[in-house]
Amino acid sequence: MTTHNMLIAPDFSPERFAGWHMFNTLIQKRANLNMHLNIPASQAEQQGIINQGDIQVIYANPFDAATLIREQGYRAVARPIGKSDEMVIAAAANSDINSLEDIKAGATVAMADNRDVKLIGLRLLEAVDVAEADLNWTVTETYQAAARQVIKGDAQVAFFMAEIFHSFSRLTKAQLSVLIESDLADISHVLLIKDGFPDSDILMNAILNLHNDDDGKEALAELGMPQGFEAMDEEDAEFMIDLMQTLLD
């Protein structure tokens, strides 16, 4: 039996790791497909794997999805229900930064390598007339490392994926102060399938019906997607890409 490759974007909180393996195991059984799960540790590693050209299924963040759809022959087929991509801007709880207005030119921002988060964060900072060029940027391996930089005072603020921020330990969150959390609702990770993938209908049927039984519900709960996935069409995908473009402009 042919083995197909599925890649999961690396920007999920660590406790979701087991959920993706459960998800992959169930999908393989129900679609009767061999799926090899690729979970890169970083954006750079993800790009390297995709560039090799043998990935049939990708769970991608919306920024990468736009490029993959427009330039690399993928189409969006599904997205998680009720799970939009939001971000948090936070400072150290004991710092002088208590609101966005306190972020001044020359401040250092720590964040993991996630363009969606940066894009949304910069759009939120427009309200206080702070632009990308006004800030110094430190890209960390993980969001946990970004949190440590802020807590230690090596950076004044950090940008986080909201889900990852809320998964931090109580001790970590007690040392951080949330300045703002986005509420966009229309931007989410999406499931992409490579054009010409012969088993897309079988795979989609398995994914869209995961929420209908206990094993599937357990896997989805582990992923923080209790409602499961909904189908997306080309119009849905174009709407989201246009929204991303609006953020870029």
Protein backbone atom coordinates (compact mmCIF):
# COMPACT_ATOMS: atom_id res chain seq x y z
CA MET A 1 0.00 0.00 0.00
CA THR A 2 1.27 3.48 -0.89
CA THR A 3 2.35 5.64 2.03
CA HIS A 4 1.18 9.26 1.92
CA ASN A 5 2.66 12.12 3.93
CA MET A 6 0.74 14.44 6.24
CA LEU A 7 2.39 17.47 7.84
CA ILE A 8 1.18 19.35 10.92
CA ALA A 9 2.27 22.99 11.33
CA PRO A 10 4.59 23.25 14.35
CA ASP A 11 2.66 26.03 16.10
CA PHE A 12 0.54 24.01 18.53
CA SER A 13 0.92 23.70 22.28
CA PRO A 14 2.99 20.70 23.44
CA GLU A 15 0.08 18.91 25.11
CA ARG A 16 -1.54 18.49 21.66
CA PHE A 17 1.28 16.24 20.44
CA ALA A 18 -0.37 12.97 21.47
CA GLY A 19 -3.66 14.14 19.96
CA TRP A 20 -2.12 14.42 16.50
CA HIS A 21 -0.85 10.86 16.73
CA MET A 22 -4.30 9.68 17.82
CA PHE A 23 -5.83 11.64 14.94
CA ASN A 24 -3.45 10.08 12.41
CA THR A 25 -4.03 6.54 13.71
CA LEU A 26 -7.81 6.90 13.47
CA ILE A 27 -7.69 8.46 10.00
CA GLN A 28 -5.51 5.63 8.71
CA LYS A 29 -7.90 2.99 10.04
CA ARG A 30 -11.07 4.64 8.79
CA ALA A 31 -9.81 5.66 5.35
CA ASN A 32 -7.71 2.49 4.94
CA LEU A 33 -4.71 4.63 4.01
CA ASN A 34 -1.08 4.62 5.10
CA MET A 35 -0.35 8.14 6.37
CA HIS A 36 3.09 9.08 7.65
CA LEU A 37 2.83 11.93 10.17
CA ASN A 38 5.41 14.72 9.90
CA ILE A 39 5.57 17.12 12.86
CA PRO A 40 8.41 19.60 12.24
CA ALA A 41 9.90 21.37 15.24
CA SER A 42 10.14 24.78 13.58
CA GLN A 43 8.97 26.91 10.67
CA ALA A 44 12.32 26.36 8.91
CA GLU A 45 12.04 22.57 9.25
CA GLN A 46 8.46 22.70 7.97
CA GLN A 47 9.57 24.64 4.89
CA GLY A 48 12.36 22.15 4.22
CA ILE A 49 9.96 19.19 4.32
CA ILE A 50 7.40 20.91 2.06
CA ASN A 51 10.14 21.88 -0.41
CA GLN A 52 10.96 18.19 -0.88
CA GLY A 53 7.60 18.03 -2.64
CA ASP A 54 6.12 14.82 -1.25
CA ILE A 55 3.50 16.09 1.22
CA GLN A 56 -0.09 15.27 0.28
CA VAL A 57 -1.91 16.67 3.34
CA ILE A 58 -0.99 19.74 5.41
CA TYR A 59 -2.61 21.23 8.51
CA ALA A 60 -1.36 24.76 7.88
CA ASN A 61 -1.55 28.12 9.56
CA PRO A 62 -3.48 30.69 7.50
CA PHE A 63 -0.43 32.65 6.40
CA ASP A 64 1.29 29.55 4.99
CA ALA A 65 -2.02 28.29 3.59
CA ALA A 66 -2.32 31.35 1.36
CA THR A 67 1.06 30.63 -0.26
CA LEU A 68 0.45 26.89 -0.50
CA ILE A 69 -2.91 27.44 -2.23
CA ARG A 70 -1.78 30.22 -4.55
CA GLU A 71 1.66 28.91 -5.47
CA GLN A 72 2.13 25.23 -4.63
CA GLY A 73 -0.96 23.40 -5.83
CA TYR A 74 -2.87 22.77 -2.60
CA ARG A 75 -6.55 23.35 -1.91
CA ALA A 76 -8.26 24.01 1.41
CA VAL A 77 -10.77 21.29 2.28
CA ALA A 78 -11.56 21.66 6.01
CA ARG A 79 -11.03 23.74 9.12
CA PRO A 80 -11.66 23.16 12.83
CA ILE A 81 -15.06 24.35 14.02
CA GLY A 82 -15.00 27.19 16.55
CA LYS A 83 -11.20 27.34 16.76
CA SER A 84 -9.95 30.61 15.32
CA ASP A 85 -6.31 31.71 15.48
CA GLU A 86 -6.00 34.45 18.08
CA MET A 87 -2.90 36.01 19.61
CA VAL A 88 -1.88 37.63 22.88
CA ILE A 89 0.52 40.51 23.54
CA ALA A 90 1.93 40.27 27.07
CA ALA A 91 4.52 42.02 29.23
CA ALA A 92 6.14 41.05 32.52
CA ALA A 93 3.73 41.44 35.43
CA ASN A 94 6.32 43.50 37.35
CA SER A 95 7.24 45.81 34.45
CA ASP A 96 6.19 49.38 33.72
CA ILE A 97 4.25 48.24 30.65
CA ASN A 98 0.61 47.97 31.65
CA SER A 99 -1.09 48.76 28.33
CA LEU A 100 -0.31 48.93 24.60
CA GLU A 101 0.29 52.68 25.00
CA ASP A 102 3.31 51.89 27.20
CA ILE A 103 5.09 50.09 24.33
CA LYS A 104 7.58 52.62 22.94
CA ALA A 105 9.87 52.70 19.93
CA GLY A 106 13.01 50.68 20.63
CA ALA A 107 11.22 48.04 22.72
CA THR A 108 12.21 44.41 22.15
CA VAL A 109 9.53 41.89 21.20
CA ALA A 110 10.14 38.16 21.73
CA MET A 111 8.18 35.58 19.75
CA ALA A 112 8.44 32.20 18.09
CA ASP A 113 8.72 32.13 14.29
CA ASN A 114 5.05 32.55 13.39
CA ARG A 115 4.11 35.10 10.75
CA ASP A 116 0.38 35.00 11.53
CA VAL A 117 0.98 36.00 15.11
CA LYS A 118 3.36 38.80 14.08
CA LEU A 119 0.93 40.08 11.47
CA ILE A 120 -2.02 40.23 13.85
CA GLY A 121 0.12 41.71 16.64
CA LEU A 122 1.38 44.50 14.40
CA ARG A 123 -2.15 45.29 13.30
CA LEU A 124 -3.16 45.61 16.98
CA LEU A 125 -0.19 47.92 17.63
CA GLU A 126 -1.28 50.25 14.84
CA ALA A 127 -3.82 51.61 17.34
CA VAL A 128 -0.93 53.09 19.35
CA ASP A 129 1.14 54.16 16.30
CA VAL A 130 3.83 51.52 16.75
CA ALA A 131 5.10 49.87 13.55
CA GLU A 132 7.38 46.90 12.86
CA ALA A 133 10.40 49.12 12.18
CA ASP A 134 9.98 50.82 15.58
CA LEU A 135 10.68 47.57 17.43
CA ASN A 136 13.55 45.15 17.95
CA TRP A 137 12.66 41.51 17.31
CA THR A 138 13.95 38.37 18.99
CA VAL A 139 12.84 35.09 17.41
CA THR A 140 12.88 32.22 19.90
CA GLU A 141 12.68 28.45 19.35
CA THR A 142 9.42 28.20 21.31
CA TYR A 143 6.76 30.42 22.86
CA GLN A 144 7.91 29.19 26.27
CA ALA A 145 11.34 30.67 25.51
CA ALA A 146 9.69 33.96 24.54
CA ALA A 147 7.86 33.99 27.88
CA ARG A 148 11.16 33.43 29.72
CA GLN A 149 12.76 36.38 27.89
CA VAL A 150 9.99 38.71 29.02
CA ILE A 151 10.00 37.42 32.59
CA LYS A 152 13.80 37.87 32.79
CA GLY A 153 13.58 41.38 31.32
CA ASP A 154 15.49 40.53 28.13
CA ALA A 155 12.43 41.62 26.11
CA GLN A 156 9.76 44.15 27.03
CA VAL A 157 6.83 42.29 25.47
CA ALA A 158 6.10 39.01 23.70
CA PHE A 159 3.65 37.89 21.04
CA PHE A 160 1.98 34.51 21.65
CA MET A 161 -0.55 32.27 19.99
CA ALA A 162 -3.48 32.62 22.39
CA GLU A 163 -3.99 28.87 22.79
CA ILE A 164 -0.34 28.36 23.72
CA PHE A 165 -0.36 31.31 26.11
CA HIS A 166 -3.41 29.92 27.92
CA SER A 167 -1.72 26.50 28.18
CA PHE A 168 1.22 27.91 30.19
CA SER A 169 1.58 26.90 33.83
CA ARG A 170 -0.10 29.01 36.46
CA LEU A 171 3.35 30.15 37.66
CA THR A 172 4.35 31.38 34.20
CA LYS A 173 1.08 33.21 33.63
CA ALA A 174 1.31 34.83 37.07
CA GLN A 175 4.57 36.47 35.94
CA LEU A 176 3.01 37.85 32.76
CA SER A 177 0.43 40.57 32.17
CA VAL A 178 -1.89 40.36 29.14
CA LEU A 179 -2.05 43.70 27.34
CA ILE A 180 -4.49 42.58 24.63
CA GLU A 181 -5.92 39.42 23.06
CA SER A 182 -7.19 39.48 19.47
CA ASP A 183 -10.74 38.54 18.53
CA LEU A 184 -10.73 37.99 14.77
CA ALA A 185 -12.84 34.79 14.55
CA ASP A 186 -12.51 34.39 10.75
CA ILE A 187 -8.87 33.28 10.60
CA SER A 188 -7.96 29.70 11.45
CA HIS A 189 -5.62 26.88 10.57
CA VAL A 190 -6.85 24.89 7.58
CA LEU A 191 -6.48 21.38 6.24
CA LEU A 192 -4.97 21.36 2.76
CA ILE A 193 -4.81 18.54 0.21
CA LYS A 194 -2.43 18.49 -2.75
CA ASP A 195 -4.13 18.71 -6.14
CA GLY A 196 -4.34 15.27 -7.72
CA PHE A 197 -4.27 13.35 -4.42
CA PRO A 198 -6.35 10.30 -5.43
CA ASP A 199 -7.84 9.45 -2.02
CA SER A 200 -9.04 12.91 -1.00
CA ASP A 201 -12.75 11.98 -0.80
CA ILE A 202 -12.07 8.94 1.41
CA LEU A 203 -9.76 10.96 3.65
CA MET A 204 -12.20 13.86 3.95
CA ASN A 205 -15.05 11.55 4.84
CA ALA A 206 -12.98 10.07 7.68
CA ILE A 207 -11.95 13.52 8.98
CA LEU A 208 -15.38 15.16 8.79
CA ASN A 209 -17.00 12.25 10.65
CA LEU A 210 -14.50 11.97 13.50
CA HIS A 211 -16.87 13.70 15.93
CA ASN A 212 -19.54 11.01 15.48
CA ASP A 213 -18.10 8.35 17.82
CA ASP A 214 -16.25 8.11 21.12
CA ASP A 215 -12.76 7.35 19.74
CA GLY A 216 -12.99 10.27 17.36
CA LYS A 217 -14.33 12.57 20.08
CA GLU A 218 -11.40 11.62 22.33
CA ALA A 219 -8.85 12.46 19.63
CA LEU A 220 -10.55 15.77 18.84
CA ALA A 221 -10.69 16.66 22.54
CA GLU A 222 -6.93 16.01 22.77
CA LEU A 223 -6.49 18.47 19.90
CA GLY A 224 -8.68 21.10 21.55
CA MET A 225 -11.19 20.77 18.70
CA PRO A 226 -14.18 19.15 20.41
CA GLN A 227 -16.59 20.10 17.60
CA GLY A 228 -14.40 18.52 14.93
CA PHE A 229 -13.88 19.77 11.40
CA GLU A 230 -16.16 21.40 8.85
CA ALA A 231 -15.73 21.30 5.09
CA MET A 232 -14.30 24.33 3.29
CA ASP A 233 -14.77 25.21 -0.34
CA GLU A 234 -12.72 27.43 -2.63
CA GLU A 235 -14.84 30.48 -1.80
CA ASP A 236 -14.23 30.02 1.95
CA ALA A 237 -10.50 29.74 1.33
CA GLU A 238 -10.40 32.83 -0.89
CA PHE A 239 -12.30 34.84 1.73
CA MET A 240 -9.72 33.93 4.39
CA ILE A 241 -6.79 34.64 2.06
CA ASP A 242 -8.29 38.05 1.25
CA LEU A 243 -8.59 38.71 4.98
CA MET A 244 -4.92 37.82 5.48
CA GLN A 245 -4.04 40.14 2.60
CA THR A 246 -6.00 42.94 4.28
CA LEU A 247 -3.92 42.42 7.43
CA LEU A 248 -0.73 42.57 5.35
CA ASP A 249 -1.79 45.78 3.62
